[in-house]
Amino acid sequence: MIELKPGNMSDIPLLWSLRTRAVRQLCASHYSPEQVEIWSESPPPESYLRLFATRCALVAQEDGQLLGYGILDRQSGEVIAVFVEPAHAGQGVGKRLMDSLETIAAEEHFTRLYLYASLNAADFYRAMGFVAIRDEAYEHPSGIALRSLYMERMMPMESVH
């Protein structure tokens, strides 16, 4: 059974390693080899320290094995990341993470969530109720521009007070 726990700063290297595997394996179908290489070689952003310190990260595990993680910025309502171990993609890990991030967003009384979806992840986010607002270049911290979709999802009214 998939278990979720809050992420902490000591998890960052392990989670970043998972993220790098996911970028290399799952994003290669939508981005050039050069983009994937630069993207996957970038270090964790400094913002992760703030996000993990404010308990914005969730880690998915099963029998002690890392399956994925998600991060919601509690200040803005931006879904910063949802990454799943490539061998477990399509098995409900991402959905479980998104459902839990939505619960956190409801606790924070957000009226909407937003994110910048990589092209390979857009269908997943659509299935989670997000709508593509625009197709744009996302300025990645590594210095490259990645084509992405800016997406939004309105929160159910019963979660907004």
Protein backbone atom coordinates (compact mmCIF):
# COMPACT_ATOMS: atom_id res chain seq x y z
CA MET A 1 0.00 0.00 0.00
CA ILE A 2 1.27 3.48 -0.87
CA GLU A 3 2.09 5.55 2.19
CA LEU A 4 2.63 9.30 2.19
CA LYS A 5 4.84 11.14 4.64
CA PRO A 6 6.04 14.73 4.89
CA GLY A 7 9.35 15.28 3.14
CA ASN A 8 12.22 16.79 5.05
CA MET A 9 15.44 18.47 4.03
CA SER A 10 17.49 15.32 4.45
CA ASP A 11 15.30 13.70 1.74
CA ILE A 12 16.28 16.25 -0.94
CA PRO A 13 19.28 14.35 -2.43
CA LEU A 14 17.30 11.10 -2.73
CA LEU A 15 14.26 12.87 -4.18
CA TRP A 16 16.43 14.82 -6.62
CA SER A 17 17.96 11.58 -7.81
CA LEU A 18 14.45 10.22 -8.48
CA ARG A 19 13.58 13.43 -10.32
CA THR A 20 16.69 13.08 -12.48
CA ARG A 21 15.75 9.51 -13.46
CA ALA A 22 12.22 10.65 -14.27
CA VAL A 23 13.44 13.52 -16.45
CA ARG A 24 15.86 11.26 -18.34
CA GLN A 25 13.38 8.45 -18.90
CA LEU A 26 9.95 10.07 -19.08
CA CYS A 27 10.71 13.44 -20.67
CA ALA A 28 12.95 12.18 -23.47
CA SER A 29 9.93 11.55 -25.71
CA HIS A 30 9.02 15.26 -25.72
CA TYR A 31 12.32 17.13 -25.42
CA SER A 32 15.63 17.06 -27.27
CA PRO A 33 18.57 15.04 -25.92
CA GLU A 34 20.41 18.32 -25.27
CA GLN A 35 17.50 19.73 -23.25
CA VAL A 36 17.13 16.52 -21.25
CA GLU A 37 20.86 16.45 -20.50
CA ILE A 38 21.00 20.05 -19.22
CA TRP A 39 17.70 19.67 -17.36
CA SER A 40 18.70 16.44 -15.67
CA GLU A 41 22.16 17.71 -14.67
CA SER A 42 20.86 20.77 -12.83
CA PRO A 43 21.14 20.82 -9.02
CA PRO A 44 18.13 21.17 -6.71
CA PRO A 45 16.90 24.77 -6.61
CA GLU A 46 17.54 26.78 -3.45
CA SER A 47 13.77 27.21 -3.12
CA TYR A 48 13.54 23.54 -2.08
CA LEU A 49 15.05 24.48 1.28
CA ARG A 50 12.19 26.92 1.98
CA LEU A 51 9.55 24.57 0.63
CA PHE A 52 10.72 21.61 2.68
CA ALA A 53 11.11 23.78 5.78
CA THR A 54 7.46 24.84 5.48
CA ARG A 55 6.30 21.23 5.10
CA CYS A 56 5.23 21.62 1.49
CA ALA A 57 6.63 18.27 0.29
CA LEU A 58 5.08 14.81 0.39
CA VAL A 59 7.00 11.58 -0.20
CA ALA A 60 5.29 8.41 -1.46
CA GLN A 61 6.68 5.07 -0.31
CA GLU A 62 5.67 1.44 -0.33
CA ASP A 63 7.40 -1.07 1.91
CA GLY A 64 10.17 1.48 2.47
CA GLN A 65 10.77 1.95 -1.27
CA LEU A 66 10.63 5.51 -2.62
CA LEU A 67 7.94 5.80 -5.30
CA GLY A 68 7.63 9.55 -5.85
CA TYR A 69 7.20 12.98 -4.36
CA GLY A 70 5.12 16.11 -4.74
CA ILE A 71 5.56 19.71 -3.64
CA LEU A 72 2.91 22.42 -3.22
CA ASP A 73 3.96 25.97 -2.45
CA ARG A 74 1.74 26.86 0.52
CA GLN A 75 2.23 30.58 -0.18
CA SER A 76 1.13 30.68 -3.81
CA GLY A 77 -0.82 27.52 -4.63
CA GLU A 78 1.70 26.46 -7.25
CA VAL A 79 2.29 22.75 -7.67
CA ILE A 80 6.07 22.85 -7.87
CA ALA A 81 6.72 19.20 -8.59
CA VAL A 82 5.18 15.78 -8.94
CA PHE A 83 7.73 13.13 -9.87
CA VAL A 84 7.25 9.37 -9.88
CA GLU A 85 9.90 6.69 -10.12
CA PRO A 86 9.76 5.70 -13.82
CA ALA A 87 9.18 2.00 -13.05
CA HIS A 88 6.03 3.01 -11.13
CA ALA A 89 4.62 5.54 -13.62
CA GLY A 90 0.95 4.91 -14.40
CA GLN A 91 0.33 2.96 -11.18
CA GLY A 92 -1.56 5.67 -9.24
CA VAL A 93 1.38 7.16 -7.33
CA GLY A 94 1.09 10.57 -9.00
CA LYS A 95 -2.68 10.62 -8.47
CA ARG A 96 -2.25 9.82 -4.80
CA LEU A 97 0.30 12.61 -4.44
CA MET A 98 -1.92 15.11 -6.28
CA ASP A 99 -4.95 14.20 -4.18
CA SER A 100 -2.93 14.85 -1.02
CA LEU A 101 -1.50 18.11 -2.35
CA GLU A 102 -5.08 19.18 -3.06
CA THR A 103 -5.98 18.41 0.55
CA ILE A 104 -3.15 20.69 1.69
CA ALA A 105 -4.36 23.38 -0.75
CA ALA A 106 -7.87 23.12 0.72
CA GLU A 107 -6.43 23.57 4.22
CA GLU A 108 -4.74 26.74 2.94
CA HIS A 109 -8.06 27.91 1.39
CA PHE A 110 -6.74 28.30 -2.15
CA THR A 111 -9.34 28.98 -4.81
CA ARG A 112 -7.11 27.53 -7.53
CA LEU A 113 -3.95 25.56 -8.08
CA TYR A 114 -1.54 26.20 -10.93
CA LEU A 115 1.55 24.62 -12.42
CA TYR A 116 3.88 24.51 -15.39
CA ALA A 117 3.51 21.05 -16.92
CA SER A 118 6.18 19.41 -18.97
CA LEU A 119 4.70 18.20 -22.25
CA ASN A 120 4.94 14.54 -21.24
CA ALA A 121 2.94 15.22 -18.04
CA ALA A 122 0.14 17.34 -19.53
CA ASP A 123 -2.29 14.43 -19.98
CA PHE A 124 -1.80 13.38 -16.36
CA TYR A 125 -2.63 16.88 -15.14
CA ARG A 126 -5.65 17.08 -17.47
CA ALA A 127 -6.90 13.84 -15.90
CA MET A 128 -6.47 15.53 -12.49
CA GLY A 129 -8.77 18.38 -13.60
CA PHE A 130 -6.20 20.94 -14.73
CA VAL A 131 -6.88 23.02 -17.84
CA ALA A 132 -4.15 24.31 -20.13
CA ILE A 133 -4.28 28.11 -20.21
CA ARG A 134 -1.30 28.71 -22.47
CA ASP A 135 1.64 27.03 -24.15
CA GLU A 136 4.82 28.82 -23.19
CA ALA A 137 8.51 28.53 -22.57
CA TYR A 138 9.35 27.78 -18.96
CA GLU A 139 12.62 29.37 -17.92
CA HIS A 140 14.23 26.50 -16.06
CA PRO A 141 16.75 27.38 -13.31
CA SER A 142 19.44 25.59 -15.37
CA GLY A 143 19.20 28.40 -17.91
CA ILE A 144 17.33 26.56 -20.65
CA ALA A 145 13.83 27.27 -21.89
CA LEU A 146 11.52 24.26 -21.90
CA ARG A 147 8.25 24.25 -23.77
CA SER A 148 5.52 23.74 -21.18
CA LEU A 149 1.86 24.27 -20.52
CA TYR A 150 0.72 26.71 -17.87
CA MET A 151 -2.26 24.92 -16.31
CA GLU A 152 -4.81 25.78 -13.66
CA ARG A 153 -7.39 23.90 -11.65
CA MET A 154 -10.14 25.58 -9.70
CA MET A 155 -10.62 24.18 -6.23
CA PRO A 156 -14.04 22.78 -5.29
CA MET A 157 -16.12 25.49 -3.62
CA GLU A 158 -16.57 23.44 -0.43
CA SER A 159 -12.80 23.70 0.17
CA VAL A 160 -12.81 27.50 -0.06
CA HIS A 161 -13.89 29.44 3.02
